[in-house]
């Protein structure tokens, strides 16, 4: 219960805690952040709004999807893309990621030509794709010409030519439907970028062949595990059973949250310092927010494949 968070924090302090990790719920983090001071430092497992002033020893950490959208924009710009269309689910979450990508992409001199939102439970994405790719305009020109000439004409729709990439915000199940439809609507040559949400975290080669070619960012725990981490993951999978498959990235979040308190003073004192965590390369930004720099992969034959530059780091 978020309303109880102050009680639980004070109890931890009274019991002699040197550091508090949590809470996870955003409402609880907001209540804790409203305290004038916190006698024991806190590492929350979620983020609150940019405009909220927090106590000096409250640090915010989590799997913030906007950070991933920002990194997609940076990667796309690095790959020399300058014009994009966005496909995202309707609702607050999809809008947040679309806005985060657009804001950063435009800062890097890119332009978002169109943003189309789709219903989260949709299976047919022809309407938003036709609008984003301006196939509807191509079909309208054909109908007008056919009416003017009064005869049937050979016709193949032509998509817009001023776009050079797609930012697709989608779950694994939805991405497996959208990606083939992008190909069908004459945009097979357009690079498609996404966030970690496009991959469940559990390899499924037969089903993920449908997202071949999609580029996305994700955490080292899944893309670049060391031998020690492989052993740790095997132990976690053995102990948690099927529960591990539900949210594998939260295992990495928990492990990083365990070690971060030992690193925060160093990260705060040295702005360019990084901690190589399992959720990314971690650094402290303004407002004591932990930013995660992720690795990059591409689906090849249905399997996430770490990009060469990341594998050489």
Protein backbone atom coordinates (compact mmCIF):
# COMPACT_ATOMS: atom_id res chain seq x y z
CA UNK A 1 0.00 0.00 0.00
CA UNK A 2 1.70 3.24 -1.11
CA UNK A 3 0.21 5.11 1.85
CA UNK A 4 2.30 2.93 4.19
CA UNK A 5 5.65 3.71 2.58
CA UNK A 6 6.73 6.35 5.11
CA UNK A 7 5.97 3.95 7.97
CA UNK A 8 8.06 1.19 6.38
CA UNK A 9 10.92 3.55 5.61
CA UNK A 10 11.00 4.83 9.20
CA UNK A 11 10.89 1.27 10.51
CA UNK A 12 13.95 0.41 8.37
CA UNK A 13 15.76 3.47 9.75
CA UNK A 14 14.84 2.55 13.33
CA UNK A 15 16.13 -0.98 12.75
CA UNK A 16 19.53 0.42 11.80
CA UNK A 17 19.45 0.28 7.99
CA UNK A 18 22.34 2.04 6.24
CA UNK A 19 20.54 2.09 2.90
CA UNK A 20 17.00 1.48 1.67
CA UNK A 21 16.24 -0.13 -1.72
CA UNK A 22 12.75 0.47 -3.09
CA UNK A 23 9.88 1.09 -3.32
CA UNK A 24 8.78 -0.13 -6.75
CA UNK A 25 5.40 1.58 -7.20
CA UNK A 26 5.51 5.09 -8.65
CA UNK A 27 2.93 6.34 -6.13
CA UNK A 28 5.14 5.20 -3.26
CA UNK A 29 8.20 6.86 -4.78
CA UNK A 30 6.27 10.13 -5.09
CA UNK A 31 5.23 10.02 -1.42
CA UNK A 32 8.80 9.29 -0.31
CA UNK A 33 10.15 12.10 -2.49
CA UNK A 34 7.91 14.61 -0.74
CA UNK A 35 9.83 14.24 2.53
CA UNK A 36 11.92 17.28 3.45
CA UNK A 37 14.85 15.01 4.20
CA UNK A 38 15.67 11.34 4.35
CA UNK A 39 18.10 10.37 7.14
CA UNK A 40 19.06 7.17 5.30
CA UNK A 41 19.68 7.22 1.51
CA UNK A 42 17.21 5.52 -0.80
CA UNK A 43 17.51 3.82 -4.18
CA UNK A 44 13.99 3.71 -5.60
CA UNK A 45 13.04 1.15 -8.25
CA UNK A 46 10.96 3.55 -10.32
CA UNK A 47 11.06 7.12 -11.59
CA UNK A 48 8.88 10.16 -10.98
CA UNK A 49 8.28 13.33 -13.00
CA UNK A 50 11.08 15.64 -14.06
CA UNK A 51 9.46 18.62 -12.33
CA UNK A 52 9.40 17.04 -8.86
CA UNK A 53 12.19 18.15 -6.54
CA UNK A 54 13.54 15.27 -4.46
CA UNK A 55 15.70 14.96 -1.31
CA UNK A 56 19.42 14.98 -2.02
CA UNK A 57 19.95 11.37 -0.98
CA UNK A 58 17.09 9.87 -2.99
CA UNK A 59 18.34 8.09 -6.13
CA UNK A 60 15.97 6.89 -8.86
CA UNK A 61 16.61 3.66 -10.75
CA UNK A 62 14.51 1.39 -12.94
CA UNK A 63 13.75 0.15 -16.44
CA UNK A 64 12.57 3.48 -17.83
CA UNK A 65 11.24 2.93 -21.39
CA UNK A 66 11.71 6.59 -22.38
CA UNK A 67 15.47 6.15 -21.95
CA UNK A 68 15.30 3.37 -24.53
CA UNK A 69 13.32 5.50 -26.98
CA UNK A 70 15.95 8.22 -26.62
CA UNK A 71 18.69 5.70 -27.42
CA UNK A 72 16.77 4.51 -30.48
CA UNK A 73 16.75 8.12 -31.73
CA UNK A 74 20.47 8.44 -31.07
CA UNK A 75 21.23 5.16 -32.82
CA UNK A 76 19.08 6.08 -35.82
CA UNK A 77 20.87 9.41 -36.11
CA UNK A 78 24.25 7.69 -35.82
CA UNK A 79 23.13 5.41 -38.66
CA UNK A 80 22.53 8.61 -40.67
CA UNK A 81 18.74 8.44 -40.79
CA UNK A 82 17.06 11.83 -40.99
CA UNK A 83 13.35 11.12 -41.51
CA UNK A 84 11.18 8.70 -39.56
CA UNK A 85 7.65 7.46 -39.09
CA UNK A 86 6.45 6.13 -35.73
CA UNK A 87 4.04 3.28 -35.07
CA UNK A 88 3.01 3.02 -31.42
CA UNK A 89 0.12 1.62 -29.36
CA UNK A 90 -2.58 4.08 -28.36
CA UNK A 91 -2.60 5.16 -24.72
CA UNK A 92 -0.25 6.93 -22.35
CA UNK A 93 2.64 4.43 -22.58
CA UNK A 94 2.83 4.51 -26.37
CA UNK A 95 2.54 8.29 -26.42
CA UNK A 96 5.37 8.66 -23.90
CA UNK A 97 7.75 6.61 -26.03
CA UNK A 98 6.73 8.33 -29.25
CA UNK A 99 7.29 11.77 -27.69
CA UNK A 100 10.65 10.74 -26.19
CA UNK A 101 11.89 9.46 -29.56
CA UNK A 102 10.61 12.48 -31.49
CA UNK A 103 12.08 15.01 -29.05
CA UNK A 104 15.56 13.47 -29.13
CA UNK A 105 15.47 12.75 -32.88
CA UNK A 106 14.62 16.37 -33.64
CA UNK A 107 17.39 17.57 -31.31
CA UNK A 108 19.72 15.58 -33.56
CA UNK A 109 18.31 17.32 -36.67
CA UNK A 110 16.02 14.47 -37.66
CA UNK A 111 12.35 14.87 -38.51
CA UNK A 112 9.34 12.70 -37.66
CA UNK A 113 7.10 12.77 -40.71
CA UNK A 114 4.12 11.00 -39.13
CA UNK A 115 3.07 9.19 -35.96
CA UNK A 116 0.30 6.61 -36.12
CA UNK A 117 -1.24 4.98 -33.05
CA UNK A 118 -2.82 1.55 -33.27
CA UNK A 119 -5.17 -0.35 -30.96
CA UNK A 120 -3.22 -2.60 -28.60
CA UNK A 121 -5.45 -5.59 -29.40
CA UNK A 122 -5.37 -5.09 -33.19
CA UNK A 123 -4.20 -7.76 -35.63
CA UNK A 124 -4.68 -5.77 -38.85
CA UNK A 125 -2.42 -2.71 -39.13
CA UNK A 126 -3.24 -1.80 -42.70
CA UNK A 127 -4.99 1.47 -41.79
CA UNK A 128 -2.16 3.09 -39.77
CA UNK A 129 0.47 1.74 -42.15
CA UNK A 130 -1.29 3.09 -45.23
CA UNK A 131 -1.59 6.49 -43.58
CA UNK A 132 2.01 6.57 -42.36
CA UNK A 133 3.35 5.43 -45.74
CA UNK A 134 0.85 7.63 -47.64
CA UNK A 135 -0.43 4.66 -49.63
CA UNK A 136 -3.92 6.07 -49.15
CA UNK A 137 -2.87 9.11 -51.18
CA UNK A 138 -1.41 6.90 -53.89
CA UNK A 139 -4.67 4.93 -54.10
CA UNK A 140 -6.69 8.16 -54.20
CA UNK A 141 -4.63 9.43 -57.14
CA UNK A 142 -5.24 6.12 -58.95
CA UNK A 143 -9.01 6.31 -58.41
CA UNK A 144 -9.09 9.90 -59.64
CA UNK A 145 -7.06 9.05 -62.75
CA UNK A 146 -9.20 5.98 -63.44
CA UNK A 147 -12.35 8.08 -63.15
CA UNK A 148 -10.93 10.79 -65.39
CA UNK A 149 -9.83 8.40 -68.13
CA UNK A 150 -12.80 6.09 -67.73
CA UNK A 151 -10.80 2.90 -68.12
CA UNK A 152 -8.96 0.33 -66.05
CA UNK A 153 -5.25 0.93 -65.54
CA UNK A 154 -2.41 -1.19 -64.29
CA UNK A 155 -1.68 0.04 -60.81
CA UNK A 156 0.79 -0.62 -58.02
CA UNK A 157 0.59 1.69 -54.99
CA UNK A 158 3.67 3.79 -54.36
CA UNK A 159 4.68 4.56 -50.79
CA UNK A 160 6.14 7.88 -49.74
CA UNK A 161 9.81 8.25 -50.67
CA UNK A 162 10.84 10.84 -48.07
CA UNK A 163 11.09 8.40 -45.16
CA UNK A 164 14.20 6.36 -44.36
CA UNK A 165 13.31 4.50 -41.15
CA UNK A 166 10.50 3.24 -38.91
CA UNK A 167 10.36 3.44 -35.11
CA UNK A 168 8.06 0.60 -34.06
CA UNK A 169 6.86 0.45 -30.46
CA UNK A 170 5.34 -3.00 -29.96
CA UNK A 171 5.18 -6.10 -27.83
CA UNK A 172 6.73 -9.30 -29.26
CA UNK A 173 3.29 -10.60 -30.28
CA UNK A 174 2.32 -7.35 -32.01
CA UNK A 175 5.72 -6.86 -33.65
CA UNK A 176 5.40 -10.30 -35.25
CA UNK A 177 2.25 -9.02 -36.96
CA UNK A 178 3.40 -5.49 -37.83
CA UNK A 179 6.80 -6.35 -39.35
CA UNK A 180 5.41 -8.61 -42.15
CA UNK A 181 2.72 -6.01 -42.89
CA UNK A 182 5.40 -3.32 -43.27
CA UNK A 183 7.02 -5.58 -45.86
CA UNK A 184 3.68 -6.17 -47.59
CA UNK A 185 3.03 -2.45 -47.93
CA UNK A 186 6.09 -1.80 -50.08
CA UNK A 187 8.41 -0.80 -47.23
CA UNK A 188 10.56 -3.91 -46.94
CA UNK A 189 13.66 -1.79 -47.54
CA UNK A 190 13.01 0.56 -44.59
CA UNK A 191 15.08 -0.17 -41.47
CA UNK A 192 12.85 -0.85 -38.45
CA UNK A 193 14.05 0.13 -34.95
CA UNK A 194 12.48 -0.73 -31.62
CA UNK A 195 13.02 -0.86 -27.86
CA UNK A 196 13.59 -3.93 -25.68
CA UNK A 197 9.83 -4.39 -25.49
CA UNK A 198 10.00 -6.09 -28.90
CA UNK A 199 11.78 -9.11 -27.35
CA UNK A 200 10.27 -11.19 -24.57
CA UNK A 201 13.69 -12.02 -23.15
CA UNK A 202 13.21 -15.70 -23.94
CA UNK A 203 14.41 -16.93 -27.33
CA UNK A 204 11.67 -18.19 -29.64
CA UNK A 205 13.38 -18.67 -32.99
CA UNK A 206 10.38 -20.06 -34.88
CA UNK A 207 8.09 -17.15 -33.98
CA UNK A 208 10.69 -14.36 -34.03
CA UNK A 209 11.57 -15.06 -37.66
CA UNK A 210 8.68 -12.69 -38.36
CA UNK A 211 10.71 -9.81 -36.92
CA UNK A 212 13.92 -10.58 -38.80
CA UNK A 213 15.95 -7.44 -39.44
CA UNK A 214 14.47 -5.38 -36.59
CA UNK A 215 17.14 -3.47 -34.64
CA UNK A 216 16.55 -2.94 -30.92
CA UNK A 217 18.33 -2.05 -27.69
CA UNK A 218 18.40 -4.32 -24.66
CA UNK A 219 20.26 -5.10 -21.46
CA UNK A 220 23.60 -6.96 -21.15
CA UNK A 221 21.93 -9.59 -18.92
CA UNK A 222 20.13 -10.84 -22.05
CA UNK A 223 22.47 -9.83 -24.87
CA UNK A 224 25.97 -10.00 -23.47
CA UNK A 225 26.14 -12.20 -20.38
CA UNK A 226 29.49 -13.16 -18.91
CA UNK A 227 30.23 -16.72 -17.81
CA UNK A 228 29.47 -15.76 -14.18
CA UNK A 229 26.17 -14.23 -15.19
CA UNK A 230 25.22 -17.33 -17.17
CA UNK A 231 25.68 -19.41 -14.04
CA UNK A 232 23.69 -16.89 -11.99
CA UNK A 233 20.88 -16.93 -14.54
CA UNK A 234 20.75 -20.73 -14.56
CA UNK A 235 20.43 -20.70 -10.76
CA UNK A 236 17.67 -18.09 -10.89
CA UNK A 237 15.78 -20.02 -13.57
CA UNK A 238 16.09 -23.19 -11.51
CA UNK A 239 14.78 -21.48 -8.36
CA UNK A 240 12.07 -19.33 -9.94
CA UNK A 241 10.85 -21.86 -12.50
CA UNK A 242 8.34 -20.50 -15.01
CA UNK A 243 8.12 -17.23 -13.05
CA UNK A 244 11.53 -16.22 -14.40
CA UNK A 245 10.20 -16.25 -17.96
CA UNK A 246 7.53 -13.66 -17.11
CA UNK A 247 9.89 -10.77 -16.36
CA UNK A 248 13.53 -11.77 -16.94
CA UNK A 249 14.76 -8.16 -17.00
CA UNK A 250 13.60 -7.67 -13.42
CA UNK A 251 16.19 -10.23 -12.32
CA UNK A 252 18.90 -7.94 -13.70
CA UNK A 253 17.24 -4.93 -12.07
CA UNK A 254 17.34 -6.68 -8.70
CA UNK A 255 20.98 -7.65 -9.03
CA UNK A 256 22.04 -4.13 -10.04
CA UNK A 257 19.97 -2.63 -7.23
CA UNK A 258 21.85 -4.86 -4.79
CA UNK A 259 25.28 -3.59 -5.91
CA UNK A 260 24.50 0.03 -6.82
CA UNK A 261 24.50 1.41 -3.24
CA UNK A 262 28.21 0.55 -3.08
CA UNK A 263 28.85 2.53 -6.28
CA UNK A 264 26.61 5.60 -5.91
CA UNK A 265 29.11 7.84 -4.10
CA UNK A 266 31.71 7.26 -6.82
CA UNK A 267 29.19 7.76 -9.64
CA UNK A 268 27.89 10.97 -8.04
CA UNK A 269 31.39 12.38 -7.52
CA UNK A 270 32.64 11.58 -11.04
CA UNK A 271 30.18 12.65 -13.78
CA UNK A 272 31.88 10.56 -16.48
CA UNK A 273 32.13 7.43 -14.36
CA UNK A 274 30.11 4.36 -15.47
CA UNK A 275 29.14 1.18 -13.67
CA UNK A 276 28.90 -1.88 -15.94
CA UNK A 277 25.65 -3.29 -14.63
CA UNK A 278 23.43 -6.06 -15.92
CA UNK A 279 20.77 -3.53 -16.95
CA UNK A 280 23.29 -1.44 -18.91
CA UNK A 281 26.18 0.93 -18.40
CA UNK A 282 24.88 3.05 -15.52
CA UNK A 283 25.56 6.70 -14.81
CA UNK A 284 23.98 9.41 -12.64
CA UNK A 285 22.18 12.28 -14.33
CA UNK A 286 20.51 15.42 -12.98
CA UNK A 287 18.14 14.80 -10.11
CA UNK A 288 20.07 11.67 -9.05
CA UNK A 289 18.45 9.62 -11.81
CA UNK A 290 20.28 6.53 -13.01
CA UNK A 291 20.53 6.37 -16.81
CA UNK A 292 21.10 3.02 -18.56
CA UNK A 293 23.16 2.79 -21.74
CA UNK A 294 22.07 -0.37 -23.53
CA UNK A 295 23.50 -2.80 -26.07
CA UNK A 296 22.21 -3.20 -29.62
CA UNK A 297 21.00 -6.32 -31.37
CA UNK A 298 19.22 -7.38 -34.53
CA UNK A 299 16.96 -10.35 -35.17
CA UNK A 300 18.76 -12.72 -37.53
CA UNK A 301 17.02 -15.97 -38.46
CA UNK A 302 14.69 -15.42 -35.52
CA UNK A 303 17.49 -15.00 -32.98
CA UNK A 304 18.67 -11.80 -31.25
CA UNK A 305 22.21 -11.19 -32.46
CA UNK A 306 24.49 -8.68 -30.74
CA UNK A 307 25.76 -6.06 -33.19
CA UNK A 308 29.46 -6.24 -33.96
CA UNK A 309 30.49 -2.94 -32.32
CA UNK A 310 28.79 -3.95 -29.06
CA UNK A 311 30.29 -7.42 -29.08
CA UNK A 312 33.79 -5.93 -29.40
CA UNK A 313 33.46 -3.62 -26.38
